[in-house]
Amino acid sequence: MVEDDKKTAAFIAKGLLEAGFEVETASDGDEALNRASAAPFDIAIVDVMLPKKDGWTVVREWRAADWKGPIIFLTARDSVQEKVRGLELGADDYLVKPFAFAELLARVRTLLRRSPSGLSENLRVADLEIDTQRQRANRGSTSLNLTPKEFLLLAYLARSPGTVVSRAEIVRYVWGVDFQTETNVVDVVVRRLRAKVDDPFPTKLVHTIRGVGYVIRPG
């Protein structure tokens, strides 16, 4: 990941690590080129406005060096001309800031699924099974009819079972890094989620840690 804003870089890196990825970061264009030449990587997320060498130059040099891995531009530059430029330089996708981390993660997974190795897309906690590729969730043989936000929240919790996730982290993941809202919107979605995931079943999975956030675990 090539991003010079420390807050944004830390937010993305944390989310990707929690999703099971290893993450290397660079804060300027020269560092990105040096890191890429020193070690192989599977996918690149690149900002455009970078110190030393901008993202356009980084991607151009990677492609000139015949690196064929997927690249996502992640930038505030949102004009049609800039999107076209990024794709013509060799990027596979272009996502505009502000963004929801869930969308970035989905795009990363979509691009990586094109590789021969593919990705595991199933999450499991007790009798709960989540298919993130098909956007389906089941408890045992019962299909759960979840809204998109409920599904994103459930999958986010299930990627780190036993780990407490704060309301602020959930807001950033599900609604976006710059989304401004009272965190009680999370409580509302959690109540609706529990009505589907927990209420009909004897074993409860979604738990509140008072004053901290939420965790998914059996019992």
C-alpha atoms as a PDB file:
ATOM      1  CA  MET A   1       0.000   0.000   0.000  1.00  0.00           C
ATOM      2  CA  VAL A   2       1.347   3.397  -1.015  1.00  0.00           C
ATOM      3  CA  GLU A   3      -0.228   6.192   1.061  1.00  0.00           C
ATOM      4  CA  ASP A   4       1.391   9.273   2.583  1.00  0.00           C
ATOM      5  CA  ASP A   5      -1.444  10.131   4.986  1.00  0.00           C
ATOM      6  CA  LYS A   6      -0.536   8.260   8.189  1.00  0.00           C
ATOM      7  CA  LYS A   7      -4.096   8.079   9.531  1.00  0.00           C
ATOM      8  CA  THR A   8      -5.481   6.639   6.303  1.00  0.00           C
ATOM      9  CA  ALA A   9      -2.566   4.213   5.932  1.00  0.00           C
ATOM     10  CA  ALA A  10      -2.995   2.926   9.495  1.00  0.00           C
ATOM     11  CA  PHE A  11      -6.762   2.527   9.021  1.00  0.00           C
ATOM     12  CA  ILE A  12      -6.382   0.532   5.800  1.00  0.00           C
ATOM     13  CA  ALA A  13      -3.500  -1.577   7.084  1.00  0.00           C
ATOM     14  CA  LYS A  14      -5.397  -2.503  10.250  1.00  0.00           C
ATOM     15  CA  GLY A  15      -8.455  -3.557   8.267  1.00  0.00           C
ATOM     16  CA  LEU A  16      -6.435  -5.642   5.812  1.00  0.00           C
ATOM     17  CA  LEU A  17      -4.501  -7.327   8.622  1.00  0.00           C
ATOM     18  CA  GLU A  18      -7.759  -8.211  10.364  1.00  0.00           C
ATOM     19  CA  ALA A  19      -8.997  -9.671   7.072  1.00  0.00           C
ATOM     20  CA  GLY A  20      -5.979 -11.993   6.966  1.00  0.00           C
ATOM     21  CA  PHE A  21      -3.601 -10.123   4.657  1.00  0.00           C
ATOM     22  CA  GLU A  22       0.029  -9.244   5.168  1.00  0.00           C
ATOM     23  CA  VAL A  23       0.585  -5.552   4.458  1.00  0.00           C
ATOM     24  CA  GLU A  24       3.668  -3.602   3.416  1.00  0.00           C
ATOM     25  CA  THR A  25       3.358   0.180   3.394  1.00  0.00           C
ATOM     26  CA  ALA A  26       5.252   2.980   1.689  1.00  0.00           C
ATOM     27  CA  SER A  27       4.749   6.712   2.229  1.00  0.00           C
ATOM     28  CA  ASP A  28       6.273   8.062  -0.995  1.00  0.00           C
ATOM     29  CA  GLY A  29       6.851   7.027  -4.584  1.00  0.00           C
ATOM     30  CA  ASP A  30      10.552   6.224  -4.261  1.00  0.00           C
ATOM     31  CA  GLU A  31       9.943   3.985  -1.252  1.00  0.00           C
ATOM     32  CA  ALA A  32       7.177   2.184  -3.127  1.00  0.00           C
ATOM     33  CA  LEU A  33       9.451   1.413  -6.057  1.00  0.00           C
ATOM     34  CA  ASN A  34      12.269   0.254  -3.768  1.00  0.00           C
ATOM     35  CA  ARG A  35      10.013  -2.018  -1.711  1.00  0.00           C
ATOM     36  CA  ALA A  36       8.454  -3.546  -4.809  1.00  0.00           C
ATOM     37  CA  SER A  37      11.852  -4.400  -6.244  1.00  0.00           C
ATOM     38  CA  ALA A  38      13.024  -5.935  -2.949  1.00  0.00           C
ATOM     39  CA  ALA A  39      10.115  -8.338  -2.370  1.00  0.00           C
ATOM     40  CA  PRO A  40       7.209  -9.788  -4.358  1.00  0.00           C
ATOM     41  CA  PHE A  41       3.654  -8.686  -3.576  1.00  0.00           C
ATOM     42  CA  ASP A  42       0.231  -9.820  -4.734  1.00  0.00           C
ATOM     43  CA  ILE A  43      -1.700  -6.560  -5.108  1.00  0.00           C
ATOM     44  CA  ALA A  44      -0.990  -2.826  -4.804  1.00  0.00           C
ATOM     45  CA  ILE A  45      -3.162  -0.004  -3.455  1.00  0.00           C
ATOM     46  CA  VAL A  46      -1.763   3.335  -4.585  1.00  0.00           C
ATOM     47  CA  ASP A  47      -2.595   6.962  -3.825  1.00  0.00           C
ATOM     48  CA  VAL A  48      -1.966   9.501  -6.602  1.00  0.00           C
ATOM     49  CA  MET A  49      -0.701  12.527  -4.669  1.00  0.00           C
ATOM     50  CA  LEU A  50       2.574  11.276  -3.178  1.00  0.00           C
ATOM     51  CA  PRO A  51       5.908  12.875  -2.240  1.00  0.00           C
ATOM     52  CA  LYS A  52       8.960  12.391  -4.502  1.00  0.00           C
ATOM     53  CA  LYS A  53       7.169  10.421  -7.250  1.00  0.00           C
ATOM     54  CA  ASP A  54       3.414  10.537  -7.695  1.00  0.00           C
ATOM     55  CA  GLY A  55       1.190   7.493  -8.068  1.00  0.00           C
ATOM     56  CA  TRP A  56       0.942   7.877 -11.839  1.00  0.00           C
ATOM     57  CA  THR A  57       4.726   7.523 -12.090  1.00  0.00           C
ATOM     58  CA  VAL A  58       4.875   4.589  -9.677  1.00  0.00           C
ATOM     59  CA  VAL A  59       2.302   2.600 -11.634  1.00  0.00           C
ATOM     60  CA  ARG A  60       3.876   3.523 -14.974  1.00  0.00           C
ATOM     61  CA  GLU A  61       7.295   2.275 -13.786  1.00  0.00           C
ATOM     62  CA  TRP A  62       5.857  -0.934 -12.339  1.00  0.00           C
ATOM     63  CA  ARG A  63       4.144  -1.734 -15.610  1.00  0.00           C
ATOM     64  CA  ALA A  64       7.254  -0.804 -17.586  1.00  0.00           C
ATOM     65  CA  ALA A  65       9.163  -3.284 -15.428  1.00  0.00           C
ATOM     66  CA  ASP A  66       6.585  -5.917 -16.497  1.00  0.00           C
ATOM     67  CA  TRP A  67       4.932  -6.363 -13.096  1.00  0.00           C
ATOM     68  CA  LYS A  68       1.516  -7.809 -13.933  1.00  0.00           C
ATOM     69  CA  GLY A  69      -0.154  -7.894 -10.513  1.00  0.00           C
ATOM     70  CA  PRO A  70      -3.432  -6.057  -9.845  1.00  0.00           C
ATOM     71  CA  ILE A  71      -3.314  -2.367  -8.899  1.00  0.00           C
ATOM     72  CA  ILE A  72      -6.014  -0.209  -7.308  1.00  0.00           C
ATOM     73  CA  PHE A  73      -5.756   3.570  -7.337  1.00  0.00           C
ATOM     74  CA  LEU A  74      -7.207   4.946  -4.090  1.00  0.00           C
ATOM     75  CA  THR A  75      -7.339   8.715  -4.336  1.00  0.00           C
ATOM     76  CA  ALA A  76      -9.349  11.893  -3.877  1.00  0.00           C
ATOM     77  CA  ARG A  77      -8.772  12.729  -7.557  1.00  0.00           C
ATOM     78  CA  ASP A  78     -12.255  12.042  -8.870  1.00  0.00           C
ATOM     79  CA  SER A  79     -12.547  13.496 -12.374  1.00  0.00           C
ATOM     80  CA  VAL A  80     -13.429  11.214 -15.265  1.00  0.00           C
ATOM     81  CA  GLN A  81     -10.206  12.196 -17.038  1.00  0.00           C
ATOM     82  CA  GLU A  82      -8.108  11.114 -14.059  1.00  0.00           C
ATOM     83  CA  LYS A  83      -9.946   7.809 -13.728  1.00  0.00           C
ATOM     84  CA  VAL A  84      -9.344   7.133 -17.411  1.00  0.00           C
ATOM     85  CA  ARG A  85      -5.687   8.102 -17.038  1.00  0.00           C
ATOM     86  CA  GLY A  86      -5.231   5.719 -14.119  1.00  0.00           C
ATOM     87  CA  LEU A  87      -6.772   2.799 -15.956  1.00  0.00           C
ATOM     88  CA  GLU A  88      -4.834   3.535 -19.126  1.00  0.00           C
ATOM     89  CA  LEU A  89      -1.579   3.561 -17.139  1.00  0.00           C
ATOM     90  CA  GLY A  90      -2.308  -0.024 -16.161  1.00  0.00           C
ATOM     91  CA  ALA A  91      -4.386   0.111 -12.979  1.00  0.00           C
ATOM     92  CA  ASP A  92      -7.128  -2.502 -12.670  1.00  0.00           C
ATOM     93  CA  ASP A  93      -9.463  -0.441 -10.502  1.00  0.00           C
ATOM     94  CA  TYR A  94      -9.963   3.124  -9.276  1.00  0.00           C
ATOM     95  CA  LEU A  95     -11.655   3.990  -5.960  1.00  0.00           C
ATOM     96  CA  VAL A  96     -12.323   7.568  -4.880  1.00  0.00           C
ATOM     97  CA  LYS A  97     -11.899   8.894  -1.333  1.00  0.00           C
ATOM     98  CA  PRO A  98     -13.803   9.097   0.952  1.00  0.00           C
ATOM     99  CA  PHE A  99     -14.514   5.385   0.789  1.00  0.00           C
ATOM    100  CA  ALA A 100     -15.975   2.573   2.869  1.00  0.00           C
ATOM    101  CA  PHE A 101     -13.326   0.034   3.818  1.00  0.00           C
ATOM    102  CA  ALA A 102     -15.770  -2.776   3.052  1.00  0.00           C
ATOM    103  CA  GLU A 103     -15.845  -1.669  -0.589  1.00  0.00           C
ATOM    104  CA  LEU A 104     -12.056  -1.521  -0.788  1.00  0.00           C
ATOM    105  CA  LEU A 105     -11.788  -4.992   0.734  1.00  0.00           C
ATOM    106  CA  ALA A 106     -14.363  -6.352  -1.712  1.00  0.00           C
ATOM    107  CA  ARG A 107     -12.421  -4.906  -4.634  1.00  0.00           C
ATOM    108  CA  VAL A 108      -9.150  -6.376  -3.329  1.00  0.00           C
ATOM    109  CA  ARG A 109     -10.740  -9.801  -3.046  1.00  0.00           C
ATOM    110  CA  THR A 110     -12.358  -9.539  -6.474  1.00  0.00           C
ATOM    111  CA  LEU A 111      -9.031  -8.760  -8.134  1.00  0.00           C
ATOM    112  CA  LEU A 112      -7.181 -11.484  -6.247  1.00  0.00           C
ATOM    113  CA  ARG A 113      -9.784 -14.085  -7.197  1.00  0.00           C
ATOM    114  CA  ARG A 114      -8.554 -13.712 -10.759  1.00  0.00           C
ATOM    115  CA  SER A 115      -5.256 -15.283  -9.709  1.00  0.00           C
ATOM    116  CA  PRO A 116      -4.904 -19.088  -9.922  1.00  0.00           C
ATOM    117  CA  SER A 117      -4.614 -19.467  -6.144  1.00  0.00           C
ATOM    118  CA  GLY A 118      -7.912 -17.702  -5.412  1.00  0.00           C
ATOM    119  CA  LEU A 119      -9.087 -16.769  -1.917  1.00  0.00           C
ATOM    120  CA  SER A 120     -10.999 -18.522   0.827  1.00  0.00           C
ATOM    121  CA  GLU A 121     -14.326 -16.733   1.105  1.00  0.00           C
ATOM    122  CA  ASN A 122     -15.994 -18.699   3.915  1.00  0.00           C
ATOM    123  CA  LEU A 123     -16.083 -17.588   7.546  1.00  0.00           C
ATOM    124  CA  ARG A 124     -17.325 -19.784  10.370  1.00  0.00           C
ATOM    125  CA  VAL A 125     -18.144 -19.188  14.043  1.00  0.00           C
ATOM    126  CA  ALA A 126     -19.839 -22.126  15.798  1.00  0.00           C
ATOM    127  CA  ASP A 127     -22.816 -23.032  13.545  1.00  0.00           C
ATOM    128  CA  LEU A 128     -22.698 -19.665  11.741  1.00  0.00           C
ATOM    129  CA  GLU A 129     -21.291 -19.832   8.209  1.00  0.00           C
ATOM    130  CA  ILE A 130     -20.726 -16.763   6.045  1.00  0.00           C
ATOM    131  CA  ASP A 131     -20.022 -16.840   2.308  1.00  0.00           C
ATOM    132  CA  THR A 132     -18.594 -13.382   1.608  1.00  0.00           C
ATOM    133  CA  GLN A 133     -18.373 -13.967  -2.128  1.00  0.00           C
ATOM    134  CA  ARG A 134     -22.073 -14.746  -2.507  1.00  0.00           C
ATOM    135  CA  GLN A 135     -23.187 -12.462   0.354  1.00  0.00           C
ATOM    136  CA  ARG A 136     -24.947 -15.306   2.170  1.00  0.00           C
ATOM    137  CA  ALA A 137     -25.070 -16.296   5.839  1.00  0.00           C
ATOM    138  CA  ASN A 138     -26.546 -19.367   7.547  1.00  0.00           C
ATOM    139  CA  ARG A 139     -26.906 -20.712  11.051  1.00  0.00           C
ATOM    140  CA  GLY A 140     -26.939 -24.436  10.583  1.00  0.00           C
ATOM    141  CA  SER A 141     -29.514 -25.127   7.894  1.00  0.00           C
ATOM    142  CA  THR A 142     -31.295 -21.783   8.422  1.00  0.00           C
ATOM    143  CA  SER A 143     -30.633 -19.046   5.877  1.00  0.00           C
ATOM    144  CA  LEU A 144     -30.339 -15.564   7.393  1.00  0.00           C
ATOM    145  CA  ASN A 145     -32.020 -12.792   5.409  1.00  0.00           C
ATOM    146  CA  LEU A 146     -29.614  -9.904   6.109  1.00  0.00           C
ATOM    147  CA  THR A 147     -29.544  -6.376   4.740  1.00  0.00           C
ATOM    148  CA  PRO A 148     -26.240  -5.238   3.148  1.00  0.00           C
ATOM    149  CA  LYS A 149     -25.196  -3.304   6.277  1.00  0.00           C
ATOM    150  CA  GLU A 150     -26.116  -6.207   8.562  1.00  0.00           C
ATOM    151  CA  PHE A 151     -24.091  -8.558   6.396  1.00  0.00           C
ATOM    152  CA  LEU A 152     -21.045  -6.276   6.375  1.00  0.00           C
ATOM    153  CA  LEU A 153     -21.179  -5.909  10.152  1.00  0.00           C
ATOM    154  CA  LEU A 154     -21.572  -9.646  10.743  1.00  0.00           C
ATOM    155  CA  ALA A 155     -18.712 -10.516   8.397  1.00  0.00           C
ATOM    156  CA  TYR A 156     -16.500  -7.874  10.013  1.00  0.00           C
ATOM    157  CA  LEU A 157     -17.047  -9.360  13.462  1.00  0.00           C
ATOM    158  CA  ALA A 158     -16.639 -12.923  12.186  1.00  0.00           C
ATOM    159  CA  ARG A 159     -13.241 -12.234  10.655  1.00  0.00           C
ATOM    160  CA  SER A 160     -11.858 -11.766  14.186  1.00  0.00           C
ATOM    161  CA  PRO A 161     -13.937 -14.005  16.478  1.00  0.00           C
ATOM    162  CA  GLY A 162     -13.262 -13.282  20.139  1.00  0.00           C
ATOM    163  CA  THR A 163     -11.865  -9.826  19.351  1.00  0.00           C
ATOM    164  CA  VAL A 164     -13.772  -6.819  20.654  1.00  0.00           C
ATOM    165  CA  VAL A 165     -14.470  -4.244  17.922  1.00  0.00           C
ATOM    166  CA  SER A 166     -15.304  -0.658  18.864  1.00  0.00           C
ATOM    167  CA  ARG A 167     -18.304   1.229  17.517  1.00  0.00           C
ATOM    168  CA  ALA A 168     -15.954   3.731  15.851  1.00  0.00           C
ATOM    169  CA  GLU A 169     -14.147   0.925  14.011  1.00  0.00           C
ATOM    170  CA  ILE A 170     -17.457  -0.488  12.812  1.00  0.00           C
ATOM    171  CA  VAL A 171     -18.585   2.930  11.548  1.00  0.00           C
ATOM    172  CA  ARG A 172     -15.334   3.360   9.575  1.00  0.00           C
ATOM    173  CA  TYR A 173     -15.567  -0.139   8.099  1.00  0.00           C
ATOM    174  CA  VAL A 174     -19.249  -0.282   7.207  1.00  0.00           C
ATOM    175  CA  TRP A 175     -20.065   3.365   6.450  1.00  0.00           C
ATOM    176  CA  GLY A 176     -16.698   4.852   5.451  1.00  0.00           C
ATOM    177  CA  VAL A 177     -13.550   6.449   6.803  1.00  0.00           C
ATOM    178  CA  ASP A 178     -15.025   9.980   6.783  1.00  0.00           C
ATOM    179  CA  PHE A 179     -18.642   9.100   7.577  1.00  0.00           C
ATOM    180  CA  GLN A 180     -19.981  11.409  10.288  1.00  0.00           C
ATOM    181  CA  THR A 181     -22.708   9.956  12.490  1.00  0.00           C
ATOM    182  CA  GLU A 182     -23.622   9.235  16.065  1.00  0.00           C
ATOM    183  CA  THR A 183     -22.383   5.768  16.971  1.00  0.00           C
ATOM    184  CA  ASN A 184     -25.897   4.734  18.105  1.00  0.00           C
ATOM    185  CA  VAL A 185     -26.521   3.907  14.435  1.00  0.00           C
ATOM    186  CA  VAL A 186     -24.303   0.884  15.129  1.00  0.00           C
ATOM    187  CA  ASP A 187     -26.464  -0.131  18.097  1.00  0.00           C
ATOM    188  CA  VAL A 188     -29.555  -0.018  15.883  1.00  0.00           C
ATOM    189  CA  VAL A 189     -27.983  -2.277  13.233  1.00  0.00           C
ATOM    190  CA  VAL A 190     -26.688  -4.651  15.918  1.00  0.00           C
ATOM    191  CA  ARG A 191     -30.186  -4.991  17.405  1.00  0.00           C
ATOM    192  CA  ARG A 192     -31.591  -5.849  13.989  1.00  0.00           C
ATOM    193  CA  LEU A 193     -28.724  -8.267  13.359  1.00  0.00           C
ATOM    194  CA  ARG A 194     -29.292 -10.052  16.676  1.00  0.00           C
ATOM    195  CA  ALA A 195     -32.983 -10.459  15.884  1.00  0.00           C
ATOM    196  CA  LYS A 196     -31.944 -12.582  12.906  1.00  0.00           C
ATOM    197  CA  VAL A 197     -28.671 -14.176  14.029  1.00  0.00           C
ATOM    198  CA  ASP A 198     -29.303 -14.825  17.738  1.00  0.00           C
ATOM    199  CA  ASP A 199     -32.948 -14.547  18.817  1.00  0.00           C
ATOM    200  CA  PRO A 200     -34.221 -17.708  17.041  1.00  0.00           C
ATOM    201  CA  PHE A 201     -31.296 -19.837  18.337  1.00  0.00           C
ATOM    202  CA  PRO A 202     -30.292 -21.105  21.813  1.00  0.00           C
ATOM    203  CA  THR A 203     -26.596 -20.203  21.456  1.00  0.00           C
ATOM    204  CA  LYS A 204     -25.986 -16.464  21.290  1.00  0.00           C
ATOM    205  CA  LEU A 205     -23.051 -15.227  19.213  1.00  0.00           C
ATOM    206  CA  VAL A 206     -23.105 -11.400  19.155  1.00  0.00           C
ATOM    207  CA  HIS A 207     -22.213  -9.886  22.540  1.00  0.00           C
ATOM    208  CA  THR A 208     -21.958  -6.319  23.826  1.00  0.00           C
ATOM    209  CA  ILE A 209     -18.895  -5.304  25.814  1.00  0.00           C
ATOM    210  CA  ARG A 210     -20.259  -2.352  27.730  1.00  0.00           C
ATOM    211  CA  GLY A 211     -18.405   0.883  27.037  1.00  0.00           C
ATOM    212  CA  VAL A 212     -16.149  -0.758  24.445  1.00  0.00           C
ATOM    213  CA  GLY A 213     -17.998  -2.345  21.526  1.00  0.00           C
ATOM    214  CA  TYR A 214     -19.062  -5.754  20.225  1.00  0.00           C
ATOM    215  CA  VAL A 215     -17.593  -9.222  19.872  1.00  0.00           C
ATOM    216  CA  ILE A 216     -18.731 -12.428  18.188  1.00  0.00           C
ATOM    217  CA  ARG A 217     -18.111 -15.699  20.037  1.00  0.00           C
ATOM    218  CA  PRO A 218     -20.126 -18.754  21.099  1.00  0.00           C
ATOM    219  CA  GLY A 219     -21.824 -18.443  24.500  1.00  0.00           C
END
